[in-house]
Amino acid sequence: MTTRSEAQPTAAPRSLRVVKKALVLVLALGLLLTAAVVSLRFGSLSFSTAEIWQALFGGEETLAKIIVLDVRLPRMLVALMVGANLALSGALLQAVMRNPLADPGLTGVSTGAALAGVSIMLVFPQWGALVPFAAFIGGAIACGLVFLLAWKRGLDPIRIILAGVAVNAVFGGGTSLLSILYSDRIQGILMWLNGSIAGRSWHHVRLLAPYTAVALVAAMLCIKPANLLQLGDDAARNLGLNVNVARTVLSFIAAFLAGISVSTVGLIGFIGLIIPHVCRLLIGSDYKFMLPLSALLGSLLLITADAAARTVFRPVELPVGIIMAVVGGPFFLYLLRKGGTYRV
């Protein structure tokens, strides 16, 4: 029989770990708010914090108010939602595949969504309103193909990754083919293909927000199966989880998160790779804390990268996808150098 004195040493460290994780979440939220203010302040024109406050809450129609409310605020909100979506998509895919190298861009989901989006924008531009739905369908088809190719008496994480690389190559080739066949129209979506938040307006915020709200709720409902999948297939089955169904559901939610993001801003890689790994280093692999932290840090990273894309080389603005490639490429090599093994 366990006495109160024997139980206290175990309970105390556990409560301290929970407090530490909560503090990390609060710190991440504070950094996100700071990055949001910085994003609103700096660009081709810079404003003080007081001017930003006046623009957001004041009644006077000033230049700062026009630029902040009509240009920078919707752009920052799009970056916030897309960053959270891509980070959550990567976190769920890494749970499905039990590998920290899994990422929407590396497993074919993003390229499937991109091919569907490019098909609408180049071949059927009059159906532009269907781009978000088409991108989700494209990502889901890519995800389904990966599972179909990887299935062999069940789903093995290594086969899923290898199939993802193959599907990624095929769908990427399809996008390149359309770009050549419709080269007279490609200039209009060139920034989109490289991943850009430039020109995003309140229209894009209204378009993306309901999809993001649904996707975030769905992702948070995946906490328990994601945690169980980390234990291995046998342990998860013994705990009552249908492993194949769980992998399928989590993968399609990840495809939805990636698809709605790609449809809005184009191909932005490595967020789903970098952020979940950083979260594990900070607070461990418990998805109850890791998913919210992934959303916060994903938003923080993309808002910061977008601010850098429009200020570092001004007056030239780079696609944010290029910034993420410069940051994410070396990080991916670092993970490969470490071996890419999954740690619970």
C-alpha atoms as a PDB file:
ATOM      1  CA  MET A   1       0.000   0.000   0.000  1.00  0.00           C
ATOM      2  CA  THR A   2       1.362   3.418  -1.028  1.00  0.00           C
ATOM      3  CA  THR A   3       1.521   6.005   1.732  1.00  0.00           C
ATOM      4  CA  ARG A   4       1.086   9.739   1.237  1.00  0.00           C
ATOM      5  CA  SER A   5       4.797  10.358   1.842  1.00  0.00           C
ATOM      6  CA  GLU A   6       5.739   7.802  -0.823  1.00  0.00           C
ATOM      7  CA  ALA A   7       3.388   9.334  -3.405  1.00  0.00           C
ATOM      8  CA  GLN A   8       4.509  12.928  -2.930  1.00  0.00           C
ATOM      9  CA  PRO A   9       7.977  12.643  -4.591  1.00  0.00           C
ATOM     10  CA  THR A  10       6.301  11.319  -7.776  1.00  0.00           C
ATOM     11  CA  ALA A  11       3.465  13.834  -7.799  1.00  0.00           C
ATOM     12  CA  ALA A  12       5.692  16.852  -7.201  1.00  0.00           C
ATOM     13  CA  PRO A  13       8.014  16.412 -10.234  1.00  0.00           C
ATOM     14  CA  ARG A  14       4.993  15.678 -12.413  1.00  0.00           C
ATOM     15  CA  SER A  15       3.262  18.907 -11.367  1.00  0.00           C
ATOM     16  CA  LEU A  16       6.522  20.810 -11.925  1.00  0.00           C
ATOM     17  CA  ARG A  17       6.732  19.412 -15.460  1.00  0.00           C
ATOM     18  CA  VAL A  18       3.175  20.534 -16.141  1.00  0.00           C
ATOM     19  CA  VAL A  19       3.970  24.027 -14.820  1.00  0.00           C
ATOM     20  CA  LYS A  20       7.094  24.157 -16.983  1.00  0.00           C
ATOM     21  CA  LYS A  21       5.123  23.198 -20.085  1.00  0.00           C
ATOM     22  CA  ALA A  22       2.449  25.779 -19.279  1.00  0.00           C
ATOM     23  CA  LEU A  23       5.122  28.451 -18.892  1.00  0.00           C
ATOM     24  CA  VAL A  24       6.602  27.506 -22.274  1.00  0.00           C
ATOM     25  CA  LEU A  25       3.145  27.909 -23.840  1.00  0.00           C
ATOM     26  CA  VAL A  26       2.714  31.326 -22.215  1.00  0.00           C
ATOM     27  CA  LEU A  27       6.187  32.397 -23.376  1.00  0.00           C
ATOM     28  CA  ALA A  28       5.411  31.228 -26.926  1.00  0.00           C
ATOM     29  CA  LEU A  29       2.176  33.235 -26.868  1.00  0.00           C
ATOM     30  CA  GLY A  30       4.090  36.307 -25.700  1.00  0.00           C
ATOM     31  CA  LEU A  31       6.665  35.909 -28.481  1.00  0.00           C
ATOM     32  CA  LEU A  32       3.868  35.479 -31.023  1.00  0.00           C
ATOM     33  CA  LEU A  33       2.204  38.718 -29.923  1.00  0.00           C
ATOM     34  CA  THR A  34       5.573  40.505 -30.104  1.00  0.00           C
ATOM     35  CA  ALA A  35       6.204  39.163 -33.610  1.00  0.00           C
ATOM     36  CA  ALA A  36       2.722  40.288 -34.664  1.00  0.00           C
ATOM     37  CA  VAL A  37       3.442  43.843 -33.505  1.00  0.00           C
ATOM     38  CA  VAL A  38       6.835  43.836 -35.259  1.00  0.00           C
ATOM     39  CA  SER A  39       5.167  42.569 -38.437  1.00  0.00           C
ATOM     40  CA  LEU A  40       2.697  45.447 -38.323  1.00  0.00           C
ATOM     41  CA  ARG A  41       5.419  48.020 -37.629  1.00  0.00           C
ATOM     42  CA  PHE A  42       8.002  47.268 -40.302  1.00  0.00           C
ATOM     43  CA  GLY A  43       7.858  47.168 -44.080  1.00  0.00           C
ATOM     44  CA  SER A  44       8.481  49.635 -46.888  1.00  0.00           C
ATOM     45  CA  LEU A  45       7.327  52.214 -44.318  1.00  0.00           C
ATOM     46  CA  SER A  46       7.991  51.856 -40.593  1.00  0.00           C
ATOM     47  CA  PHE A  47       5.657  52.993 -37.840  1.00  0.00           C
ATOM     48  CA  SER A  48       6.027  53.350 -34.101  1.00  0.00           C
ATOM     49  CA  THR A  49       4.100  51.195 -31.651  1.00  0.00           C
ATOM     50  CA  ALA A  50       1.987  54.236 -30.748  1.00  0.00           C
ATOM     51  CA  GLU A  51       1.091  54.730 -34.424  1.00  0.00           C
ATOM     52  CA  ILE A  52       0.146  51.055 -34.725  1.00  0.00           C
ATOM     53  CA  TRP A  53      -2.089  51.359 -31.651  1.00  0.00           C
ATOM     54  CA  GLN A  54      -3.717  54.483 -33.058  1.00  0.00           C
ATOM     55  CA  ALA A  55      -4.217  52.787 -36.423  1.00  0.00           C
ATOM     56  CA  LEU A  56      -5.891  49.766 -34.854  1.00  0.00           C
ATOM     57  CA  PHE A  57      -8.112  51.528 -32.332  1.00  0.00           C
ATOM     58  CA  GLY A  58      -8.210  55.191 -33.340  1.00  0.00           C
ATOM     59  CA  GLY A  59     -10.883  56.806 -35.492  1.00  0.00           C
ATOM     60  CA  GLU A  60      -8.725  59.158 -37.529  1.00  0.00           C
ATOM     61  CA  GLU A  61      -8.022  58.082 -41.125  1.00  0.00           C
ATOM     62  CA  THR A  62      -4.225  58.268 -41.380  1.00  0.00           C
ATOM     63  CA  LEU A  63      -1.666  56.730 -43.728  1.00  0.00           C
ATOM     64  CA  ALA A  64      -0.646  54.331 -40.959  1.00  0.00           C
ATOM     65  CA  LYS A  65      -4.266  53.253 -40.490  1.00  0.00           C
ATOM     66  CA  ILE A  66      -4.725  52.552 -44.198  1.00  0.00           C
ATOM     67  CA  ILE A  67      -1.498  50.555 -44.500  1.00  0.00           C
ATOM     68  CA  VAL A  68      -1.914  48.641 -41.226  1.00  0.00           C
ATOM     69  CA  LEU A  69      -5.606  47.770 -41.537  1.00  0.00           C
ATOM     70  CA  ASP A  70      -5.807  47.166 -45.278  1.00  0.00           C
ATOM     71  CA  VAL A  71      -2.385  45.657 -46.008  1.00  0.00           C
ATOM     72  CA  ARG A  72      -0.360  44.448 -43.043  1.00  0.00           C
ATOM     73  CA  LEU A  73      -3.029  43.179 -40.629  1.00  0.00           C
ATOM     74  CA  PRO A  74      -4.743  40.774 -43.073  1.00  0.00           C
ATOM     75  CA  ARG A  75      -1.337  39.619 -44.290  1.00  0.00           C
ATOM     76  CA  MET A  76      -0.215  38.956 -40.713  1.00  0.00           C
ATOM     77  CA  LEU A  77      -3.442  37.044 -39.947  1.00  0.00           C
ATOM     78  CA  VAL A  78      -2.971  34.862 -43.026  1.00  0.00           C
ATOM     79  CA  ALA A  79       0.614  34.105 -41.931  1.00  0.00           C
ATOM     80  CA  LEU A  80      -0.648  33.299 -38.432  1.00  0.00           C
ATOM     81  CA  MET A  81      -3.230  30.791 -39.685  1.00  0.00           C
ATOM     82  CA  VAL A  82      -1.034  29.193 -42.344  1.00  0.00           C
ATOM     83  CA  GLY A  83       1.903  28.809 -39.952  1.00  0.00           C
ATOM     84  CA  ALA A  84      -0.311  27.085 -37.381  1.00  0.00           C
ATOM     85  CA  ASN A  85      -1.889  24.844 -40.028  1.00  0.00           C
ATOM     86  CA  LEU A  86       1.406  23.661 -41.498  1.00  0.00           C
ATOM     87  CA  ALA A  87       2.979  23.053 -38.079  1.00  0.00           C
ATOM     88  CA  LEU A  88      -0.020  20.990 -36.941  1.00  0.00           C
ATOM     89  CA  SER A  89      -0.025  19.081 -40.225  1.00  0.00           C
ATOM     90  CA  GLY A  90       3.635  18.161 -39.738  1.00  0.00           C
ATOM     91  CA  ALA A  91       3.079  17.169 -36.099  1.00  0.00           C
ATOM     92  CA  LEU A  92       0.211  14.837 -37.024  1.00  0.00           C
ATOM     93  CA  LEU A  93       2.147  13.273 -39.907  1.00  0.00           C
ATOM     94  CA  GLN A  94       5.105  12.654 -37.613  1.00  0.00           C
ATOM     95  CA  ALA A  95       2.775  10.856 -35.188  1.00  0.00           C
ATOM     96  CA  VAL A  96       1.363   8.766 -38.037  1.00  0.00           C
ATOM     97  CA  MET A  97       4.804   7.805 -39.330  1.00  0.00           C
ATOM     98  CA  ARG A  98       6.680   7.838 -36.032  1.00  0.00           C
ATOM     99  CA  ASN A  99       9.481   9.744 -37.725  1.00  0.00           C
ATOM    100  CA  PRO A 100      10.554  13.379 -37.176  1.00  0.00           C
ATOM    101  CA  LEU A 101      11.476  13.714 -40.853  1.00  0.00           C
ATOM    102  CA  ALA A 102       7.814  13.507 -41.915  1.00  0.00           C
ATOM    103  CA  ASP A 103       6.442  16.772 -43.280  1.00  0.00           C
ATOM    104  CA  PRO A 104       3.616  17.798 -45.654  1.00  0.00           C
ATOM    105  CA  GLY A 105       6.182  18.867 -48.228  1.00  0.00           C
ATOM    106  CA  LEU A 106       8.206  15.653 -48.025  1.00  0.00           C
ATOM    107  CA  THR A 107       5.315  13.182 -48.073  1.00  0.00           C
ATOM    108  CA  GLY A 108       3.489  14.412 -51.169  1.00  0.00           C
ATOM    109  CA  VAL A 109       0.593  16.161 -49.403  1.00  0.00           C
ATOM    110  CA  SER A 110       1.708  19.716 -50.252  1.00  0.00           C
ATOM    111  CA  THR A 111       2.653  18.878 -53.832  1.00  0.00           C
ATOM    112  CA  GLY A 112      -0.696  17.132 -54.369  1.00  0.00           C
ATOM    113  CA  ALA A 113      -2.485  20.216 -53.101  1.00  0.00           C
ATOM    114  CA  ALA A 114      -0.248  22.436 -55.247  1.00  0.00           C
ATOM    115  CA  LEU A 115      -0.934  20.415 -58.416  1.00  0.00           C
ATOM    116  CA  ALA A 116      -4.695  20.669 -57.877  1.00  0.00           C
ATOM    117  CA  GLY A 117      -4.446  24.404 -57.180  1.00  0.00           C
ATOM    118  CA  VAL A 118      -2.242  25.055 -60.215  1.00  0.00           C
ATOM    119  CA  SER A 119      -4.618  23.033 -62.400  1.00  0.00           C
ATOM    120  CA  ILE A 120      -7.508  25.305 -61.448  1.00  0.00           C
ATOM    121  CA  MET A 121      -5.533  28.558 -61.719  1.00  0.00           C
ATOM    122  CA  LEU A 122      -3.923  27.755 -65.082  1.00  0.00           C
ATOM    123  CA  VAL A 123      -6.417  25.508 -66.872  1.00  0.00           C
ATOM    124  CA  PHE A 124      -9.730  26.658 -65.389  1.00  0.00           C
ATOM    125  CA  PRO A 125      -9.103  30.188 -64.039  1.00  0.00           C
ATOM    126  CA  GLN A 126     -12.842  30.940 -64.125  1.00  0.00           C
ATOM    127  CA  TRP A 127     -13.259  28.435 -61.267  1.00  0.00           C
ATOM    128  CA  GLY A 128     -10.829  30.260 -58.977  1.00  0.00           C
ATOM    129  CA  ALA A 129     -13.241  30.083 -56.033  1.00  0.00           C
ATOM    130  CA  LEU A 130     -12.777  26.302 -55.981  1.00  0.00           C
ATOM    131  CA  VAL A 131      -9.016  26.480 -55.358  1.00  0.00           C
ATOM    132  CA  PRO A 132      -9.211  25.773 -51.565  1.00  0.00           C
ATOM    133  CA  PHE A 133     -11.496  22.781 -52.073  1.00  0.00           C
ATOM    134  CA  ALA A 134      -9.435  21.516 -55.017  1.00  0.00           C
ATOM    135  CA  ALA A 135      -6.219  21.850 -53.002  1.00  0.00           C
ATOM    136  CA  PHE A 136      -7.684  19.767 -50.191  1.00  0.00           C
ATOM    137  CA  ILE A 137      -8.840  17.114 -52.670  1.00  0.00           C
ATOM    138  CA  GLY A 138      -5.380  17.108 -54.269  1.00  0.00           C
ATOM    139  CA  GLY A 139      -3.688  16.702 -50.897  1.00  0.00           C
ATOM    140  CA  ALA A 140      -6.134  13.962 -49.905  1.00  0.00           C
ATOM    141  CA  ILE A 141      -5.556  12.099 -53.191  1.00  0.00           C
ATOM    142  CA  ALA A 142      -1.796  12.314 -52.665  1.00  0.00           C
ATOM    143  CA  CYS A 143      -2.234  11.057 -49.107  1.00  0.00           C
ATOM    144  CA  GLY A 144      -4.451   8.214 -50.319  1.00  0.00           C
ATOM    145  CA  LEU A 145      -1.909   7.213 -52.959  1.00  0.00           C
ATOM    146  CA  VAL A 146       0.835   7.169 -50.351  1.00  0.00           C
ATOM    147  CA  PHE A 147      -1.214   4.841 -48.164  1.00  0.00           C
ATOM    148  CA  LEU A 148      -2.161   2.632 -51.115  1.00  0.00           C
ATOM    149  CA  LEU A 149       1.468   2.270 -52.197  1.00  0.00           C
ATOM    150  CA  ALA A 150       2.662   1.736 -48.632  1.00  0.00           C
ATOM    151  CA  TRP A 151       0.041  -0.864 -47.674  1.00  0.00           C
ATOM    152  CA  LYS A 152       1.398  -4.356 -47.157  1.00  0.00           C
ATOM    153  CA  ARG A 153      -0.410  -6.237 -44.405  1.00  0.00           C
ATOM    154  CA  GLY A 154      -0.750  -2.914 -42.641  1.00  0.00           C
ATOM    155  CA  LEU A 155       0.923   0.480 -42.771  1.00  0.00           C
ATOM    156  CA  ASP A 156       4.606   0.648 -42.024  1.00  0.00           C
ATOM    157  CA  PRO A 157       6.049   4.133 -41.298  1.00  0.00           C
ATOM    158  CA  ILE A 158       9.160   3.547 -43.426  1.00  0.00           C
ATOM    159  CA  ARG A 159       7.101   2.472 -46.449  1.00  0.00           C
ATOM    160  CA  ILE A 160       4.859   5.514 -46.002  1.00  0.00           C
ATOM    161  CA  ILE A 161       7.850   7.855 -46.190  1.00  0.00           C
ATOM    162  CA  LEU A 162       9.308   6.112 -49.247  1.00  0.00           C
ATOM    163  CA  ALA A 163       5.932   6.166 -50.994  1.00  0.00           C
ATOM    164  CA  GLY A 164       5.603   9.843 -50.058  1.00  0.00           C
ATOM    165  CA  VAL A 165       8.894  10.677 -51.729  1.00  0.00           C
ATOM    166  CA  ALA A 166       7.737   8.936 -54.933  1.00  0.00           C
ATOM    167  CA  VAL A 167       4.320  10.638 -54.935  1.00  0.00           C
ATOM    168  CA  ASN A 168       6.006  13.959 -54.196  1.00  0.00           C
ATOM    169  CA  ALA A 169       8.201  13.549 -57.299  1.00  0.00           C
ATOM    170  CA  VAL A 170       5.265  12.605 -59.561  1.00  0.00           C
ATOM    171  CA  PHE A 171       2.994  15.431 -58.445  1.00  0.00           C
ATOM    172  CA  GLY A 172       5.867  17.913 -58.554  1.00  0.00           C
ATOM    173  CA  GLY A 173       6.533  16.821 -62.135  1.00  0.00           C
ATOM    174  CA  GLY A 174       2.858  17.392 -62.974  1.00  0.00           C
ATOM    175  CA  THR A 175       3.066  20.946 -61.631  1.00  0.00           C
ATOM    176  CA  SER A 176       6.191  21.602 -63.703  1.00  0.00           C
ATOM    177  CA  LEU A 177       4.484  20.195 -66.822  1.00  0.00           C
ATOM    178  CA  LEU A 178       1.493  22.507 -66.411  1.00  0.00           C
ATOM    179  CA  SER A 179       3.855  25.428 -65.888  1.00  0.00           C
ATOM    180  CA  ILE A 180       5.472  24.708 -69.261  1.00  0.00           C
ATOM    181  CA  LEU A 181       2.224  24.041 -71.141  1.00  0.00           C
ATOM    182  CA  TYR A 182       0.662  27.260 -69.852  1.00  0.00           C
ATOM    183  CA  SER A 183       3.801  29.382 -69.779  1.00  0.00           C
ATOM    184  CA  ASP A 184       1.813  32.386 -71.024  1.00  0.00           C
ATOM    185  CA  ARG A 185      -0.173  32.367 -67.749  1.00  0.00           C
ATOM    186  CA  ILE A 186       2.531  31.288 -65.330  1.00  0.00           C
ATOM    187  CA  GLN A 187       3.650  34.810 -64.408  1.00  0.00           C
ATOM    188  CA  GLY A 188       0.393  35.354 -62.562  1.00  0.00           C
ATOM    189  CA  ILE A 189       1.062  32.499 -60.125  1.00  0.00           C
ATOM    190  CA  LEU A 190       4.867  32.543 -59.993  1.00  0.00           C
ATOM    191  CA  MET A 191       4.948  34.076 -56.514  1.00  0.00           C
ATOM    192  CA  TRP A 192       2.319  31.558 -55.386  1.00  0.00           C
ATOM    193  CA  LEU A 193       4.443  28.646 -56.623  1.00  0.00           C
ATOM    194  CA  ASN A 194       7.349  29.906 -54.515  1.00  0.00           C
ATOM    195  CA  GLY A 195       5.173  30.451 -51.448  1.00  0.00           C
ATOM    196  CA  SER A 196       4.232  34.063 -50.888  1.00  0.00           C
ATOM    197  CA  ILE A 197       1.947  36.009 -48.556  1.00  0.00           C
ATOM    198  CA  ALA A 198       2.317  39.206 -50.592  1.00  0.00           C
ATOM    199  CA  GLY A 199      -0.992  40.747 -51.609  1.00  0.00           C
ATOM    200  CA  ARG A 200      -3.074  38.693 -49.202  1.00  0.00           C
ATOM    201  CA  SER A 201      -6.132  40.682 -48.166  1.00  0.00           C
ATOM    202  CA  TRP A 202      -9.217  40.469 -45.974  1.00  0.00           C
ATOM    203  CA  HIS A 203     -10.755  38.322 -48.706  1.00  0.00           C
ATOM    204  CA  HIS A 204      -8.124  35.649 -48.054  1.00  0.00           C
ATOM    205  CA  VAL A 205      -8.620  35.963 -44.287  1.00  0.00           C
ATOM    206  CA  ARG A 206     -12.371  35.392 -44.625  1.00  0.00           C
ATOM    207  CA  LEU A 207     -11.757  32.505 -47.009  1.00  0.00           C
ATOM    208  CA  LEU A 208      -9.174  30.788 -44.818  1.00  0.00           C
ATOM    209  CA  ALA A 209     -10.583  31.439 -41.325  1.00  0.00           C
ATOM    210  CA  PRO A 210     -13.558  28.992 -41.316  1.00  0.00           C
ATOM    211  CA  TYR A 211     -11.466  26.172 -42.801  1.00  0.00           C
ATOM    212  CA  THR A 212      -8.734  26.832 -40.245  1.00  0.00           C
ATOM    213  CA  ALA A 213     -11.206  26.849 -37.327  1.00  0.00           C
ATOM    214  CA  VAL A 214     -12.613  23.461 -38.347  1.00  0.00           C
ATOM    215  CA  ALA A 215      -9.135  22.030 -38.952  1.00  0.00           C
ATOM    216  CA  LEU A 216      -7.795  23.241 -35.589  1.00  0.00           C
ATOM    217  CA  VAL A 217     -10.678  21.629 -33.711  1.00  0.00           C
ATOM    218  CA  ALA A 218     -10.202  18.391 -35.651  1.00  0.00           C
ATOM    219  CA  ALA A 219      -6.462  18.427 -34.917  1.00  0.00           C
ATOM    220  CA  MET A 220      -7.001  18.912 -31.172  1.00  0.00           C
ATOM    221  CA  LEU A 221      -9.399  15.956 -31.156  1.00  0.00           C
ATOM    222  CA  CYS A 222      -6.489  13.816 -32.415  1.00  0.00           C
ATOM    223  CA  ILE A 223      -4.391  14.234 -29.266  1.00  0.00           C
ATOM    224  CA  LYS A 224      -5.177  10.829 -27.747  1.00  0.00           C
ATOM    225  CA  PRO A 225      -4.664   8.700 -30.913  1.00  0.00           C
ATOM    226  CA  ALA A 226      -1.488  10.661 -31.739  1.00  0.00           C
ATOM    227  CA  ASN A 227      -0.070   9.887 -28.294  1.00  0.00           C
ATOM    228  CA  LEU A 228      -1.004   6.220 -28.597  1.00  0.00           C
ATOM    229  CA  LEU A 229       0.595   5.879 -32.043  1.00  0.00           C
ATOM    230  CA  GLN A 230       3.897   6.989 -30.545  1.00  0.00           C
ATOM    231  CA  LEU A 231       3.928   3.882 -28.359  1.00  0.00           C
ATOM    232  CA  GLY A 232       4.155   1.570 -31.363  1.00  0.00           C
ATOM    233  CA  ASP A 233       1.491  -0.414 -33.190  1.00  0.00           C
ATOM    234  CA  ASP A 234       1.332  -3.339 -30.778  1.00  0.00           C
ATOM    235  CA  ALA A 235       1.048  -1.188 -27.672  1.00  0.00           C
ATOM    236  CA  ALA A 236      -1.547   1.048 -29.335  1.00  0.00           C
ATOM    237  CA  ARG A 237      -3.659  -1.968 -30.323  1.00  0.00           C
ATOM    238  CA  ASN A 238      -3.441  -3.367 -26.800  1.00  0.00           C
ATOM    239  CA  LEU A 239      -4.798  -0.055 -25.532  1.00  0.00           C
ATOM    240  CA  GLY A 240      -7.807  -0.344 -27.841  1.00  0.00           C
ATOM    241  CA  LEU A 241      -6.731   1.829 -30.776  1.00  0.00           C
ATOM    242  CA  ASN A 242      -7.499   0.765 -34.328  1.00  0.00           C
ATOM    243  CA  VAL A 243      -4.079   1.702 -35.697  1.00  0.00           C
ATOM    244  CA  ASN A 244      -4.905   1.735 -39.402  1.00  0.00           C
ATOM    245  CA  VAL A 245      -8.075   3.795 -38.934  1.00  0.00           C
ATOM    246  CA  ALA A 246      -6.229   6.228 -36.663  1.00  0.00           C
ATOM    247  CA  ARG A 247      -3.404   6.642 -39.191  1.00  0.00           C
ATOM    248  CA  THR A 248      -5.914   7.248 -41.982  1.00  0.00           C
ATOM    249  CA  VAL A 249      -7.940   9.832 -40.038  1.00  0.00           C
ATOM    250  CA  LEU A 250      -4.867  11.719 -38.793  1.00  0.00           C
ATOM    251  CA  SER A 251      -3.347  11.724 -42.278  1.00  0.00           C
ATOM    252  CA  PHE A 252      -6.456  13.145 -43.897  1.00  0.00           C
ATOM    253  CA  ILE A 253      -6.712  15.873 -41.249  1.00  0.00           C
ATOM    254  CA  ALA A 254      -3.053  16.666 -41.939  1.00  0.00           C
ATOM    255  CA  ALA A 255      -3.851  16.767 -45.673  1.00  0.00           C
ATOM    256  CA  PHE A 256      -6.722  19.154 -44.999  1.00  0.00           C
ATOM    257  CA  LEU A 257      -4.489  21.455 -42.940  1.00  0.00           C
ATOM    258  CA  ALA A 258      -1.825  21.475 -45.645  1.00  0.00           C
ATOM    259  CA  GLY A 259      -4.306  21.771 -48.500  1.00  0.00           C
ATOM    260  CA  ILE A 260      -6.082  24.880 -47.237  1.00  0.00           C
ATOM    261  CA  SER A 261      -2.712  26.491 -46.559  1.00  0.00           C
ATOM    262  CA  VAL A 262      -1.235  25.703 -49.970  1.00  0.00           C
ATOM    263  CA  SER A 263      -4.378  26.986 -51.693  1.00  0.00           C
ATOM    264  CA  THR A 264      -3.941  30.377 -50.007  1.00  0.00           C
ATOM    265  CA  VAL A 265      -0.189  31.033 -50.057  1.00  0.00           C
ATOM    266  CA  GLY A 266       1.377  28.360 -52.260  1.00  0.00           C
ATOM    267  CA  LEU A 267       4.216  26.019 -51.378  1.00  0.00           C
ATOM    268  CA  ILE A 268       5.947  26.890 -48.114  1.00  0.00           C
ATOM    269  CA  GLY A 269       8.129  24.078 -46.864  1.00  0.00           C
ATOM    270  CA  PHE A 270       9.825  22.976 -43.671  1.00  0.00           C
ATOM    271  CA  ILE A 271       7.459  24.534 -41.101  1.00  0.00           C
ATOM    272  CA  GLY A 272       5.891  21.133 -40.472  1.00  0.00           C
ATOM    273  CA  LEU A 273       9.380  19.659 -40.150  1.00  0.00           C
ATOM    274  CA  ILE A 274      11.047  22.235 -37.921  1.00  0.00           C
ATOM    275  CA  ILE A 275       8.333  23.198 -35.456  1.00  0.00           C
ATOM    276  CA  PRO A 276       7.301  19.770 -34.066  1.00  0.00           C
ATOM    277  CA  HIS A 277      10.965  18.910 -33.546  1.00  0.00           C
ATOM    278  CA  VAL A 278      11.565  22.149 -31.626  1.00  0.00           C
ATOM    279  CA  CYS A 279       8.457  21.449 -29.536  1.00  0.00           C
ATOM    280  CA  ARG A 280       9.775  18.018 -28.569  1.00  0.00           C
ATOM    281  CA  LEU A 281      13.042  19.576 -27.457  1.00  0.00           C
ATOM    282  CA  LEU A 282      11.171  22.129 -25.335  1.00  0.00           C
ATOM    283  CA  ILE A 283       8.346  20.137 -23.739  1.00  0.00           C
ATOM    284  CA  GLY A 284       8.581  16.508 -24.862  1.00  0.00           C
ATOM    285  CA  SER A 285       6.290  14.402 -27.038  1.00  0.00           C
ATOM    286  CA  ASP A 286       2.963  14.657 -25.217  1.00  0.00           C
ATOM    287  CA  TYR A 287       0.583  15.890 -27.906  1.00  0.00           C
ATOM    288  CA  LYS A 288      -1.664  17.486 -25.268  1.00  0.00           C
ATOM    289  CA  PHE A 289       0.979  20.199 -24.988  1.00  0.00           C
ATOM    290  CA  MET A 290       2.852  19.707 -28.245  1.00  0.00           C
ATOM    291  CA  LEU A 291      -0.059  20.464 -30.582  1.00  0.00           C
ATOM    292  CA  PRO A 292      -0.934  23.851 -29.017  1.00  0.00           C
ATOM    293  CA  LEU A 293       2.758  24.770 -28.869  1.00  0.00           C
ATOM    294  CA  SER A 294       3.206  23.698 -32.497  1.00  0.00           C
ATOM    295  CA  ALA A 295       0.374  26.013 -33.548  1.00  0.00           C
ATOM    296  CA  LEU A 296       1.875  28.953 -31.635  1.00  0.00           C
ATOM    297  CA  LEU A 297       5.448  28.407 -32.843  1.00  0.00           C
ATOM    298  CA  GLY A 298       4.330  27.729 -36.421  1.00  0.00           C
ATOM    299  CA  SER A 299       2.534  31.074 -36.478  1.00  0.00           C
ATOM    300  CA  LEU A 300       5.530  32.755 -34.853  1.00  0.00           C
ATOM    301  CA  LEU A 301       7.960  31.331 -37.412  1.00  0.00           C
ATOM    302  CA  LEU A 302       5.921  32.247 -40.485  1.00  0.00           C
ATOM    303  CA  ILE A 303       5.087  35.766 -39.268  1.00  0.00           C
ATOM    304  CA  THR A 304       8.789  36.339 -38.560  1.00  0.00           C
ATOM    305  CA  ALA A 305       9.851  34.876 -41.916  1.00  0.00           C
ATOM    306  CA  ASP A 306       7.304  37.014 -43.763  1.00  0.00           C
ATOM    307  CA  ALA A 307       8.537  40.149 -41.983  1.00  0.00           C
ATOM    308  CA  ALA A 308      12.087  39.246 -43.007  1.00  0.00           C
ATOM    309  CA  ALA A 309      11.006  38.525 -46.597  1.00  0.00           C
ATOM    310  CA  ARG A 310       9.631  42.028 -47.059  1.00  0.00           C
ATOM    311  CA  THR A 311      12.250  44.009 -45.119  1.00  0.00           C
ATOM    312  CA  VAL A 312      15.693  42.398 -45.458  1.00  0.00           C
ATOM    313  CA  PHE A 313      16.084  43.117 -49.187  1.00  0.00           C
ATOM    314  CA  ARG A 314      13.663  46.018 -49.529  1.00  0.00           C
ATOM    315  CA  PRO A 315      12.462  47.473 -51.789  1.00  0.00           C
ATOM    316  CA  VAL A 316      12.610  43.952 -53.302  1.00  0.00           C
ATOM    317  CA  GLU A 317      10.280  41.501 -51.577  1.00  0.00           C
ATOM    318  CA  LEU A 318      11.180  37.820 -51.550  1.00  0.00           C
ATOM    319  CA  PRO A 319       8.632  34.999 -51.474  1.00  0.00           C
ATOM    320  CA  VAL A 320       8.503  33.717 -47.914  1.00  0.00           C
ATOM    321  CA  GLY A 321       8.941  30.182 -49.264  1.00  0.00           C
ATOM    322  CA  ILE A 322      12.518  31.088 -50.208  1.00  0.00           C
ATOM    323  CA  ILE A 323      13.232  32.292 -46.667  1.00  0.00           C
ATOM    324  CA  MET A 324      11.860  29.050 -45.251  1.00  0.00           C
ATOM    325  CA  ALA A 325      13.932  26.986 -47.688  1.00  0.00           C
ATOM    326  CA  VAL A 326      17.102  28.805 -46.609  1.00  0.00           C
ATOM    327  CA  VAL A 327      16.270  28.150 -42.942  1.00  0.00           C
ATOM    328  CA  GLY A 328      14.726  24.707 -43.303  1.00  0.00           C
ATOM    329  CA  GLY A 329      17.257  23.080 -45.622  1.00  0.00           C
ATOM    330  CA  PRO A 330      20.150  23.146 -43.136  1.00  0.00           C
ATOM    331  CA  PHE A 331      17.799  22.069 -40.342  1.00  0.00           C
ATOM    332  CA  PHE A 332      16.708  19.057 -42.394  1.00  0.00           C
ATOM    333  CA  LEU A 333      20.347  18.118 -42.973  1.00  0.00           C
ATOM    334  CA  TYR A 334      20.918  18.462 -39.215  1.00  0.00           C
ATOM    335  CA  LEU A 335      18.100  15.989 -38.531  1.00  0.00           C
ATOM    336  CA  LEU A 336      19.501  13.583 -41.100  1.00  0.00           C
ATOM    337  CA  ARG A 337      22.939  13.918 -39.475  1.00  0.00           C
ATOM    338  CA  LYS A 338      21.397  12.943 -36.129  1.00  0.00           C
ATOM    339  CA  GLY A 339      19.832   9.916 -37.751  1.00  0.00           C
ATOM    340  CA  GLY A 340      16.185  10.985 -37.921  1.00  0.00           C
ATOM    341  CA  THR A 341      15.117   8.512 -35.274  1.00  0.00           C
ATOM    342  CA  TYR A 342      11.901   8.979 -33.349  1.00  0.00           C
ATOM    343  CA  ARG A 343      12.064   9.471 -29.623  1.00  0.00           C
ATOM    344  CA  VAL A 344       8.995   9.189 -27.413  1.00  0.00           C
END
